[in-house]
Amino acid sequence: MKTVRLFATLRDIAGTKEIQIPFRDGQTVRELLSDVTVLHPKLGTAIVHPNGELTGLVHILVHGRNIYWLDGLDTTIREDDQLVFLPPSAGG
């Protein structure tokens, strides 16, 4: 199992600050999100469009790095990687 930390509105949607997702070392973010959508449908629809692309309402961090700067949804996740789903924020 992989623990995914949630922040802000994503915590509200899921009703918790962390979720547990079945995991195998070496799977991709895309594969993990498929499981998120099945196990937590409301959270899944907030993160992923039906076409499989991100909604833009979340940043996904793998071991502290945004997947945007890695391999996107094809970023590989390792056993020791921390996963964080973080909504974008702005302020001033």
Foldseek 3Di string as FASTA:
>chain_A
DAKEAEDDVLCVLQVHGIDDFDDDAFAFQLVRLVRCCVVRVSSSVQAAPPVSAGPLQWFKDWQRHTCVVPVNRRDTHGPPIHIYIYGDDDDD
